Protein backbone atom coordinates (compact mmCIF):
# COMPACT_ATOMS: atom_id res chain seq x y z
CA UNK A 1 119.99 71.30 61.87
CA UNK A 2 121.48 74.17 63.32
CA UNK A 3 119.22 76.32 61.11
CA UNK A 4 116.28 73.96 62.28
CA UNK A 5 116.81 74.51 66.23
CA UNK A 6 117.49 78.12 65.82
CA UNK A 7 113.91 78.41 64.60
CA UNK A 8 112.51 76.18 66.97
CA UNK A 9 113.83 78.47 69.51
CA UNK A 10 113.18 81.31 68.66
CA UNK A 11 109.13 79.95 68.35
CA UNK A 12 109.17 78.43 71.51
CA UNK A 13 110.76 82.24 72.97
CA UNK A 14 107.91 84.02 71.16
CA UNK A 15 104.87 81.80 73.15
CA UNK A 16 107.24 81.71 75.81
CA UNK A 17 107.16 85.57 76.14
CA UNK A 18 103.11 85.68 74.95
CA UNK A 19 102.03 83.83 77.57
CA UNK A 20 104.09 85.67 79.84
CA UNK A 21 102.35 88.97 78.60
CA UNK A 22 99.40 87.56 79.28
CA UNK A 23 99.99 86.28 82.58
CA UNK A 24 101.19 89.91 83.30
CA UNK A 25 98.08 91.66 82.32
CA UNK A 26 95.89 88.90 84.47
CA UNK A 27 97.58 90.21 87.11
CA UNK A 28 97.83 93.98 86.42
CA UNK A 29 93.45 93.42 85.78
CA UNK A 30 93.58 91.90 89.44
CA UNK A 31 95.39 94.73 90.98
CA UNK A 32 93.47 97.52 89.23
CA UNK A 33 90.33 95.75 90.46
CA UNK A 34 91.41 94.82 93.84
CA UNK A 35 92.86 99.25 94.18
CA UNK A 36 88.95 99.84 92.75
CA UNK A 37 87.18 97.72 95.19
CA UNK A 38 89.53 99.84 98.11
CA UNK A 39 88.72 102.98 96.52
CA UNK A 40 84.93 102.73 96.42
CA UNK A 41 85.26 101.26 99.88
CA UNK A 42 86.59 104.29 101.17
CA UNK A 43 83.87 106.60 98.76
CA UNK A 44 81.36 104.96 100.60
CA UNK A 45 82.96 105.33 104.22
CA UNK A 46 84.09 108.70 103.95
CA UNK A 47 80.10 108.86 102.42
CA UNK A 48 78.71 107.39 105.16
CA UNK A 49 80.43 109.61 108.15
CA UNK A 50 78.67 112.96 108.28
CA UNK A 51 75.17 111.60 107.63
CA UNK A 52 74.08 114.00 110.27
CA UNK A 53 76.33 116.60 109.13
CA UNK A 54 74.39 120.07 108.19
CA UNK A 55 76.99 121.98 106.92
CA UNK A 56 76.56 122.31 102.87
CA UNK A 57 80.38 121.95 101.96
CA UNK A 58 80.49 118.62 103.77
CA UNK A 59 76.82 117.65 102.16
CA UNK A 60 78.47 118.00 99.01
CA UNK A 61 81.27 116.00 99.62
CA UNK A 62 79.09 113.27 101.10
CA UNK A 63 77.32 113.37 97.92
CA UNK A 64 80.27 113.13 95.70
CA UNK A 65 81.71 110.77 97.10
CA UNK A 66 78.32 108.64 97.12
CA UNK A 67 78.66 109.75 93.26
CA UNK A 68 82.26 108.14 92.52
CA UNK A 69 81.73 105.16 94.58
CA UNK A 70 78.79 104.73 92.41
CA UNK A 71 80.63 105.78 89.46
CA UNK A 72 83.43 103.20 90.09
CA UNK A 73 81.24 100.43 90.49
CA UNK A 74 78.82 100.64 87.57
CA UNK A 75 81.98 100.87 85.28
CA UNK A 76 84.72 98.97 87.02
CA UNK A 77 85.78 96.45 83.78
CA UNK A 78 85.93 99.63 81.97
CA UNK A 79 88.54 101.19 83.86
CA UNK A 80 90.14 98.20 84.12
CA UNK A 81 90.53 97.56 80.61
CA UNK A 82 91.17 101.00 80.38
CA UNK A 83 93.96 101.26 82.74
CA UNK A 84 95.13 98.61 81.15
CA UNK A 85 95.35 100.00 78.25
CA UNK A 86 96.84 103.08 79.22
CA UNK A 87 99.88 101.02 80.90
CA UNK A 88 99.07 103.35 84.15
CA UNK A 89 101.55 100.80 86.01
CA UNK A 90 100.87 100.07 90.08
CA UNK A 91 101.71 103.57 91.74
CA UNK A 92 98.90 104.50 93.59
CA UNK A 93 98.77 108.35 92.72
CA UNK A 94 98.94 107.47 88.83
CA UNK A 95 95.47 105.07 89.59
CA UNK A 96 94.29 108.10 91.73
CA UNK A 97 94.92 110.65 88.95
CA UNK A 98 92.93 108.34 85.72
CA UNK A 99 90.20 107.64 88.00
CA UNK A 100 89.47 110.95 89.31
CA UNK A 101 89.85 112.44 85.83
CA UNK A 102 87.62 109.69 84.61
CA UNK A 103 84.99 110.56 86.99
CA UNK A 104 85.08 114.39 87.05
CA UNK A 105 85.25 114.27 82.61
CA UNK A 106 81.83 112.34 83.55
CA UNK A 107 80.37 113.71 85.72
CA UNK A 108 80.87 117.01 84.19
CA UNK A 109 79.47 115.44 80.99
CA UNK A 110 76.32 113.93 82.49
CA UNK A 111 75.46 117.31 83.81
CA UNK A 112 75.91 119.38 80.63
CA UNK A 113 73.27 116.86 78.73
CA UNK A 114 71.06 117.86 81.61
């Protein structure tokens, strides 16, 4: 009887742990999704600040921020899944580093393919 009780407790514990892990993953995905939304808004806001600027460096910044916002919008699901699989955590600097790195890598690859 004790053996059956122990086995049932272990099996129940495994199911509880699996349910908790999937709930944590869902919360993490929601957090990353929200962070991406803020990042997109920030890029769009930065790109819109200097619409009438004639400085070439500012124009390059505007163009890059607009490209960055478009990249994040178009690759949102893929980025969130990758962030979850890399277990980035919830620190803003880690998410920023990952997102900027992905953007720069893909932008560089796209410019090579032209």
